[in-house]
Amino acid sequence: DRAQDLGDLAGAIVRIAPDGSVPADNPT
């Protein structure tokens, strides 16, 4: 069920910058 929890990073692919920050053009 975590794969459908949109606030949970489990069951997902994440995209981050090389310093760990969130890229400004990530989907929203």
PDB file of all heavy atoms in Angstrom:
ATOM      1  N   ASP A   1       0.813  -1.217   0.000  1.00  0.00           N
ATOM      2  CA  ASP A   1       0.000   0.000   0.000  1.00  0.00           C
ATOM      3  C   ASP A   1       0.850   1.273   0.000  1.00  0.00           C
ATOM      4  O   ASP A   1       0.382   2.337  -0.412  1.00  0.00           O
ATOM      5  CB  ASP A   1      -0.939   0.008   1.206  1.00  0.00           C
ATOM      6  CG  ASP A   1      -2.000  -1.066   1.116  1.00  0.00           C
ATOM      7  OD1 ASP A   1      -2.312  -1.501  -0.022  1.00  0.00           O
ATOM      8  OD2 ASP A   1      -2.515  -1.502   2.165  1.00  0.00           O
ATOM      9  N   ARG A   2       2.103   1.157   0.426  1.00  0.00           N
ATOM     10  CA  ARG A   2       2.972   2.335   0.439  1.00  0.00           C
ATOM     11  C   ARG A   2       3.240   2.845  -0.971  1.00  0.00           C
ATOM     12  O   ARG A   2       3.542   4.024  -1.166  1.00  0.00           O
ATOM     13  CB  ARG A   2       4.289   2.019   1.146  1.00  0.00           C
ATOM     14  CG  ARG A   2       4.140   1.721   2.625  1.00  0.00           C
ATOM     15  CD  ARG A   2       5.485   1.493   3.299  1.00  0.00           C
ATOM     16  NE  ARG A   2       6.306   2.708   3.291  1.00  0.00           N
ATOM     17  CZ  ARG A   2       7.524   2.781   3.807  1.00  0.00           C
ATOM     18  NH1 ARG A   2       8.073   1.708   4.374  1.00  0.00           N
ATOM     19  NH2 ARG A   2       8.205   3.914   3.772  1.00  0.00           N
ATOM     20  N   ALA A   3       3.152   1.957  -1.959  1.00  0.00           N
ATOM     21  CA  ALA A   3       3.420   2.371  -3.337  1.00  0.00           C
ATOM     22  C   ALA A   3       2.371   3.332  -3.876  1.00  0.00           C
ATOM     23  O   ALA A   3       2.614   4.015  -4.878  1.00  0.00           O
ATOM     24  CB  ALA A   3       3.516   1.146  -4.247  1.00  0.00           C
ATOM     25  N   GLN A   4       1.196   3.405  -3.227  1.00  0.00           N
ATOM     26  CA  GLN A   4       0.156   4.341  -3.640  1.00  0.00           C
ATOM     27  C   GLN A   4      -0.028   5.496  -2.659  1.00  0.00           C
ATOM     28  O   GLN A   4      -0.925   6.325  -2.848  1.00  0.00           O
ATOM     29  CB  GLN A   4      -1.170   3.596  -3.829  1.00  0.00           C
ATOM     30  CG  GLN A   4      -1.192   2.676  -5.032  1.00  0.00           C
ATOM     31  CD  GLN A   4      -0.966   3.408  -6.342  1.00  0.00           C
ATOM     32  OE1 GLN A   4      -1.488   4.497  -6.552  1.00  0.00           O
ATOM     33  NE2 GLN A   4      -0.177   2.814  -7.236  1.00  0.00           N
ATOM     34  N   ASP A   5       0.812   5.587  -1.653  1.00  0.00           N
ATOM     35  CA  ASP A   5       0.796   6.724  -0.725  1.00  0.00           C
ATOM     36  C   ASP A   5       1.677   7.816  -1.320  1.00  0.00           C
ATOM     37  O   ASP A   5       2.904   7.687  -1.361  1.00  0.00           O
ATOM     38  CB  ASP A   5       1.321   6.286   0.640  1.00  0.00           C
ATOM     39  CG  ASP A   5       1.291   7.395   1.678  1.00  0.00           C
ATOM     40  OD1 ASP A   5       1.199   8.584   1.297  1.00  0.00           O
ATOM     41  OD2 ASP A   5       1.386   7.084   2.880  1.00  0.00           O
ATOM     42  N   LEU A   6       1.070   8.884  -1.790  1.00  0.00           N
ATOM     43  CA  LEU A   6       1.797   9.891  -2.567  1.00  0.00           C
ATOM     44  C   LEU A   6       2.730  10.755  -1.731  1.00  0.00           C
ATOM     45  O   LEU A   6       3.558  11.486  -2.285  1.00  0.00           O
ATOM     46  CB  LEU A   6       0.793  10.775  -3.321  1.00  0.00           C
ATOM     47  CG  LEU A   6      -0.151  10.023  -4.264  1.00  0.00           C
ATOM     48  CD1 LEU A   6      -1.065  10.980  -4.990  1.00  0.00           C
ATOM     49  CD2 LEU A   6       0.626   9.163  -5.253  1.00  0.00           C
ATOM     50  N   GLY A   7       2.619  10.657  -0.412  1.00  0.00           N
ATOM     51  CA  GLY A   7       3.555  11.362   0.452  1.00  0.00           C
ATOM     52  C   GLY A   7       4.704  10.487   0.907  1.00  0.00           C
ATOM     53  O   GLY A   7       5.604  10.954   1.612  1.00  0.00           O
ATOM     54  N   ASP A   8       4.684   9.223   0.503  1.00  0.00           N
ATOM     55  CA  ASP A   8       5.676   8.233   0.913  1.00  0.00           C
ATOM     56  C   ASP A   8       6.623   7.989  -0.264  1.00  0.00           C
ATOM     57  O   ASP A   8       6.188   7.838  -1.405  1.00  0.00           O
ATOM     58  CB  ASP A   8       4.945   6.937   1.300  1.00  0.00           C
ATOM     59  CG  ASP A   8       5.823   5.938   2.027  1.00  0.00           C
ATOM     60  OD1 ASP A   8       7.057   5.978   1.852  1.00  0.00           O
ATOM     61  OD2 ASP A   8       5.265   5.082   2.749  1.00  0.00           O
ATOM     62  N   LEU A   9       7.919   7.910   0.005  1.00  0.00           N
ATOM     63  CA  LEU A   9       8.898   7.704  -1.057  1.00  0.00           C
ATOM     64  C   LEU A   9       9.122   6.229  -1.381  1.00  0.00           C
ATOM     65  O   LEU A   9       9.892   5.913  -2.297  1.00  0.00           O
ATOM     66  CB  LEU A   9      10.229   8.355  -0.680  1.00  0.00           C
ATOM     67  CG  LEU A   9      10.163   9.867  -0.420  1.00  0.00           C
ATOM     68  CD1 LEU A   9      11.550  10.416  -0.115  1.00  0.00           C
ATOM     69  CD2 LEU A   9       9.527  10.612  -1.585  1.00  0.00           C
ATOM     70  N   ALA A  10       8.459   5.325  -0.664  1.00  0.00           N
ATOM     71  CA  ALA A  10       8.555   3.899  -0.980  1.00  0.00           C
ATOM     72  C   ALA A  10       7.758   3.595  -2.243  1.00  0.00           C
ATOM     73  O   ALA A  10       6.787   4.271  -2.568  1.00  0.00           O
ATOM     74  CB  ALA A  10       8.032   3.064   0.183  1.00  0.00           C
ATOM     75  N   GLY A  11       8.183   2.544  -2.963  1.00  0.00           N
ATOM     76  CA  GLY A  11       7.467   2.141  -4.162  1.00  0.00           C
ATOM     77  C   GLY A  11       7.492   3.214  -5.234  1.00  0.00           C
ATOM     78  O   GLY A  11       6.490   3.480  -5.890  1.00  0.00           O
ATOM     79  N   ALA A  12       8.684   3.824  -5.412  1.00  0.00           N
ATOM     80  CA  ALA A  12       8.762   5.006  -6.261  1.00  0.00           C
ATOM     81  C   ALA A  12      10.127   5.117  -6.921  1.00  0.00           C
ATOM     82  O   ALA A  12      11.071   4.416  -6.581  1.00  0.00           O
ATOM     83  CB  ALA A  12       8.510   6.256  -5.413  1.00  0.00           C
ATOM     84  N   ILE A  13      10.191   6.033  -7.858  1.00  0.00           N
ATOM     85  CA  ILE A  13      11.464   6.532  -8.370  1.00  0.00           C
ATOM     86  C   ILE A  13      11.534   8.000  -7.986  1.00  0.00           C
ATOM     87  O   ILE A  13      10.572   8.756  -8.211  1.00  0.00           O
ATOM     88  CB  ILE A  13      11.575   6.344  -9.884  1.00  0.00           C
ATOM     89  CG1 ILE A  13      11.594   4.843 -10.195  1.00  0.00           C
ATOM     90  CG2 ILE A  13      12.829   7.015 -10.439  1.00  0.00           C
ATOM     91  CD1 ILE A  13      11.366   4.515 -11.631  1.00  0.00           C
ATOM     92  N   VAL A  14      12.628   8.378  -7.354  1.00  0.00           N
ATOM     93  CA  VAL A  14      12.812   9.768  -6.965  1.00  0.00           C
ATOM     94  C   VAL A  14      13.890  10.388  -7.854  1.00  0.00           C
ATOM     95  O   VAL A  14      14.732   9.698  -8.426  1.00  0.00           O
ATOM     96  CB  VAL A  14      13.187   9.912  -5.480  1.00  0.00           C
ATOM     97  CG1 VAL A  14      12.097   9.325  -4.590  1.00  0.00           C
ATOM     98  CG2 VAL A  14      14.528   9.254  -5.179  1.00  0.00           C
ATOM     99  N   ARG A  15      13.847  11.710  -7.952  1.00  0.00           N
ATOM    100  CA  ARG A  15      14.839  12.463  -8.727  1.00  0.00           C
ATOM    101  C   ARG A  15      15.355  13.594  -7.854  1.00  0.00           C
ATOM    102  O   ARG A  15      14.571  14.425  -7.354  1.00  0.00           O
ATOM    103  CB  ARG A  15      14.206  13.014 -10.002  1.00  0.00           C
ATOM    104  CG  ARG A  15      15.135  13.861 -10.883  1.00  0.00           C
ATOM    105  CD  ARG A  15      14.394  14.184 -12.166  1.00  0.00           C
ATOM    106  NE  ARG A  15      15.142  15.034 -13.086  1.00  0.00           N
ATOM    107  CZ  ARG A  15      14.916  16.345 -13.244  1.00  0.00           C
ATOM    108  NH1 ARG A  15      13.990  16.963 -12.506  1.00  0.00           N
ATOM    109  NH2 ARG A  15      15.612  17.042 -14.125  1.00  0.00           N
ATOM    110  N   ILE A  16      16.663  13.603  -7.643  1.00  0.00           N
ATOM    111  CA  ILE A  16      17.279  14.608  -6.791  1.00  0.00           C
ATOM    112  C   ILE A  16      18.505  15.182  -7.488  1.00  0.00           C
ATOM    113  O   ILE A  16      19.055  14.582  -8.417  1.00  0.00           O
ATOM    114  CB  ILE A  16      17.684  14.022  -5.417  1.00  0.00           C
ATOM    115  CG1 ILE A  16      18.676  12.866  -5.599  1.00  0.00           C
ATOM    116  CG2 ILE A  16      16.454  13.587  -4.622  1.00  0.00           C
ATOM    117  CD1 ILE A  16      19.265  12.359  -4.308  1.00  0.00           C
ATOM    118  N   ALA A  17      18.940  16.339  -7.021  1.00  0.00           N
ATOM    119  CA  ALA A  17      20.165  16.952  -7.518  1.00  0.00           C
ATOM    120  C   ALA A  17      21.372  16.268  -6.877  1.00  0.00           C
ATOM    121  O   ALA A  17      21.245  15.564  -5.869  1.00  0.00           O
ATOM    122  CB  ALA A  17      20.161  18.449  -7.202  1.00  0.00           C
ATOM    123  N   PRO A  18      22.571  16.457  -7.430  1.00  0.00           N
ATOM    124  CA  PRO A  18      23.760  15.800  -6.874  1.00  0.00           C
ATOM    125  C   PRO A  18      24.054  16.159  -5.424  1.00  0.00           C
ATOM    126  O   PRO A  18      24.757  15.406  -4.746  1.00  0.00           O
ATOM    127  CB  PRO A  18      24.895  16.279  -7.803  1.00  0.00           C
ATOM    128  CG  PRO A  18      24.221  16.587  -9.094  1.00  0.00           C
ATOM    129  CD  PRO A  18      22.878  17.129  -8.719  1.00  0.00           C
ATOM    130  N   ASP A  19      23.515  17.258  -4.924  1.00  0.00           N
ATOM    131  CA  ASP A  19      23.707  17.603  -3.509  1.00  0.00           C
ATOM    132  C   ASP A  19      22.552  17.145  -2.637  1.00  0.00           C
ATOM    133  O   ASP A  19      22.517  17.423  -1.438  1.00  0.00           O
ATOM    134  CB  ASP A  19      23.927  19.108  -3.349  1.00  0.00           C
ATOM    135  CG  ASP A  19      22.712  19.932  -3.785  1.00  0.00           C
ATOM    136  OD1 ASP A  19      21.694  19.349  -4.241  1.00  0.00           O
ATOM    137  OD2 ASP A  19      22.773  21.176  -3.682  1.00  0.00           O
ATOM    138  N   GLY A  20      21.591  16.448  -3.233  1.00  0.00           N
ATOM    139  CA  GLY A  20      20.450  15.933  -2.486  1.00  0.00           C
ATOM    140  C   GLY A  20      19.235  16.836  -2.483  1.00  0.00           C
ATOM    141  O   GLY A  20      18.179  16.442  -1.979  1.00  0.00           O
ATOM    142  N   SER A  21      19.345  18.031  -3.032  1.00  0.00           N
ATOM    143  CA  SER A  21      18.199  18.938  -3.080  1.00  0.00           C
ATOM    144  C   SER A  21      17.219  18.482  -4.165  1.00  0.00           C
ATOM    145  O   SER A  21      17.506  17.579  -4.960  1.00  0.00           O
ATOM    146  CB  SER A  21      18.668  20.366  -3.354  1.00  0.00           C
ATOM    147  OG  SER A  21      19.326  20.450  -4.611  1.00  0.00           O
ATOM    148  N   VAL A  22      16.055  19.116  -4.188  1.00  0.00           N
ATOM    149  CA  VAL A  22      15.012  18.743  -5.150  1.00  0.00           C
ATOM    150  C   VAL A  22      15.114  19.640  -6.384  1.00  0.00           C
ATOM    151  O   VAL A  22      15.057  20.870  -6.260  1.00  0.00           O
ATOM    152  CB  VAL A  22      13.616  18.880  -4.512  1.00  0.00           C
ATOM    153  CG1 VAL A  22      12.528  18.577  -5.545  1.00  0.00           C
ATOM    154  CG2 VAL A  22      13.480  17.940  -3.322  1.00  0.00           C
ATOM    155  N   PRO A  23      15.264  19.071  -7.577  1.00  0.00           N
ATOM    156  CA  PRO A  23      15.311  19.900  -8.791  1.00  0.00           C
ATOM    157  C   PRO A  23      14.017  20.689  -8.971  1.00  0.00           C
ATOM    158  O   PRO A  23      12.919  20.190  -8.696  1.00  0.00           O
ATOM    159  CB  PRO A  23      15.495  18.874  -9.914  1.00  0.00           C
ATOM    160  CG  PRO A  23      16.106  17.681  -9.244  1.00  0.00           C
ATOM    161  CD  PRO A  23      15.503  17.639  -7.874  1.00  0.00           C
ATOM    162  N   ALA A  24      14.159  21.906  -9.457  1.00  0.00           N
ATOM    163  CA  ALA A  24      12.995  22.779  -9.606  1.00  0.00           C
ATOM    164  C   ALA A  24      12.000  22.258 -10.629  1.00  0.00           C
ATOM    165  O   ALA A  24      10.810  22.592 -10.561  1.00  0.00           O
ATOM    166  CB  ALA A  24      13.461  24.186  -9.995  1.00  0.00           C
ATOM    167  N   ASP A  25      12.459  21.431 -11.575  1.00  0.00           N
ATOM    168  CA  ASP A  25      11.553  20.942 -12.620  1.00  0.00           C
ATOM    169  C   ASP A  25      11.024  19.538 -12.350  1.00  0.00           C
ATOM    170  O   ASP A  25      10.542  18.866 -13.265  1.00  0.00           O
ATOM    171  CB  ASP A  25      12.235  20.992 -13.988  1.00  0.00           C
ATOM    172  CG  ASP A  25      13.512  20.164 -14.054  1.00  0.00           C
ATOM    173  OD1 ASP A  25      14.029  19.769 -12.992  1.00  0.00           O
ATOM    174  OD2 ASP A  25      14.002  19.916 -15.183  1.00  0.00           O
ATOM    175  N   ASN A  26      11.094  19.071 -11.097  1.00  0.00           N
ATOM    176  CA  ASN A  26      10.438  17.805 -10.766  1.00  0.00           C
ATOM    177  C   ASN A  26       8.937  17.917 -10.992  1.00  0.00           C
ATOM    178  O   ASN A  26       8.363  19.017 -10.885  1.00  0.00           O
ATOM    179  CB  ASN A  26      10.711  17.431  -9.300  1.00  0.00           C
ATOM    180  CG  ASN A  26      11.897  16.499  -9.160  1.00  0.00           C
ATOM    181  OD1 ASN A  26      12.672  16.304 -10.083  1.00  0.00           O
ATOM    182  ND2 ASN A  26      12.060  15.924  -7.979  1.00  0.00           N
ATOM    183  N   PRO A  27       8.265  16.797 -11.290  1.00  0.00           N
ATOM    184  CA  PRO A  27       6.807  16.856 -11.458  1.00  0.00           C
ATOM    185  C   PRO A  27       6.124  17.241 -10.151  1.00  0.00           C
ATOM    186  O   PRO A  27       6.622  16.938  -9.063  1.00  0.00           O
ATOM    187  CB  PRO A  27       6.453  15.432 -11.880  1.00  0.00           C
ATOM    188  CG  PRO A  27       7.570  14.582 -11.363  1.00  0.00           C
ATOM    189  CD  PRO A  27       8.798  15.441 -11.445  1.00  0.00           C
ATOM    190  N   THR A  28       4.969  17.906 -10.267  1.00  0.00           N
ATOM    191  CA  THR A  28       4.293  18.397  -9.057  1.00  0.00           C
ATOM    192  C   THR A  28       2.801  18.079  -9.047  1.00  0.00           C
ATOM    193  O   THR A  28       1.973  18.967  -8.824  1.00  0.00           O
ATOM    194  CB  THR A  28       4.495  19.915  -8.917  1.00  0.00           C
ATOM    195  OG1 THR A  28       4.021  20.559 -10.128  1.00  0.00           O
ATOM    196  CG2 THR A  28       5.948  20.274  -8.684  1.00  0.00           C
TER     197      THR A  28
END
